[in-house]
Amino acid sequence: EHVRAEYADTLRRLWLFWTPSVCFAFGVLPLRLQAVFFAGVGFAWNVVLSAYNGAGPQRVASVSQEQVRGV
């Protein structure tokens, strides 16, 4: 349910983040630098997604507590 509610907004952010990155990489960067660039951009994208979804120690603790309660 949460994924469906956030789908359009997440897709828009994905396009705004990745489209300029891909255009820059394939249009400007030499081939030998593209893999490093995409590794860095992919890392940044994962950091953004983790921060946006609240993945961190607090979320891990709450998930562990739910597992203990049997929810």
Protein backbone atom coordinates (compact mmCIF):
# COMPACT_ATOMS: atom_id res chain seq x y z
CA GLU A 1 0.00 0.00 0.00
CA HIS A 2 2.83 2.37 0.88
CA VAL A 3 4.65 1.58 -2.36
CA ARG A 4 1.56 2.30 -4.44
CA ALA A 5 1.00 5.61 -2.66
CA GLU A 6 4.61 6.71 -3.21
CA TYR A 7 5.07 5.28 -6.72
CA ALA A 8 4.46 8.40 -8.84
CA ASP A 9 6.57 10.65 -6.62
CA THR A 10 9.41 8.12 -6.45
CA LEU A 11 9.34 7.62 -10.22
CA ARG A 12 9.51 11.37 -10.78
CA ARG A 13 12.52 11.64 -8.46
CA LEU A 14 14.17 8.70 -10.20
CA TRP A 15 13.83 10.41 -13.58
CA LEU A 16 15.06 13.76 -12.19
CA PHE A 17 18.11 12.08 -10.65
CA TRP A 18 19.12 9.48 -13.23
CA THR A 19 18.26 11.14 -16.57
CA PRO A 20 20.72 14.03 -16.21
CA SER A 21 23.33 11.64 -14.78
CA VAL A 22 23.06 9.28 -17.75
CA CYS A 23 23.06 12.12 -20.27
CA PHE A 24 26.17 13.59 -18.66
CA ALA A 25 27.99 10.27 -18.46
CA PHE A 26 27.32 9.17 -22.02
CA GLY A 27 27.60 12.65 -23.53
CA VAL A 28 30.63 14.07 -21.73
CA LEU A 29 32.65 11.46 -19.89
CA PRO A 30 35.17 9.24 -21.63
CA LEU A 31 34.36 5.54 -21.58
CA ARG A 32 37.05 4.73 -19.01
CA LEU A 33 35.42 7.02 -16.39
CA GLN A 34 31.80 5.99 -16.87
CA ALA A 35 31.90 2.93 -14.58
CA VAL A 36 33.40 4.93 -11.72
CA PHE A 37 30.90 7.72 -12.26
CA PHE A 38 27.94 5.34 -12.22
CA ALA A 39 29.26 3.62 -9.10
CA GLY A 40 29.35 6.98 -7.34
CA VAL A 41 25.95 8.06 -8.61
CA GLY A 42 24.47 4.69 -7.66
CA PHE A 43 25.92 5.04 -4.17
CA ALA A 44 24.43 8.54 -3.86
CA TRP A 45 21.04 7.26 -5.06
CA ASN A 46 21.10 4.49 -2.43
CA VAL A 47 21.98 6.99 0.29
CA VAL A 48 19.07 9.20 -0.78
CA LEU A 49 16.66 6.25 -0.80
CA SER A 50 17.85 5.07 2.60
CA ALA A 51 17.49 8.53 4.10
CA TYR A 52 14.08 9.00 2.51
CA ASN A 53 12.80 5.67 3.82
CA GLY A 54 14.29 6.15 7.26
CA ALA A 55 16.50 3.09 7.11
CA GLY A 56 18.82 3.31 10.06
CA PRO A 57 19.33 2.20 13.64
CA GLN A 58 15.91 3.42 14.79
CA ARG A 59 14.09 1.50 12.07
CA VAL A 60 16.12 -1.65 12.70
CA ALA A 61 15.29 -1.42 16.41
CA SER A 62 11.57 -1.00 15.71
CA VAL A 63 11.58 -3.96 13.32
CA SER A 64 13.34 -6.09 15.94
CA GLN A 65 10.76 -5.11 18.55
CA GLU A 66 7.91 -6.05 16.20
CA GLN A 67 9.51 -9.44 15.62
CA VAL A 68 9.76 -9.98 19.38
CA ARG A 69 6.07 -9.12 19.82
CA GLY A 70 5.15 -11.49 17.01
CA VAL A 71 3.55 -8.82 14.82
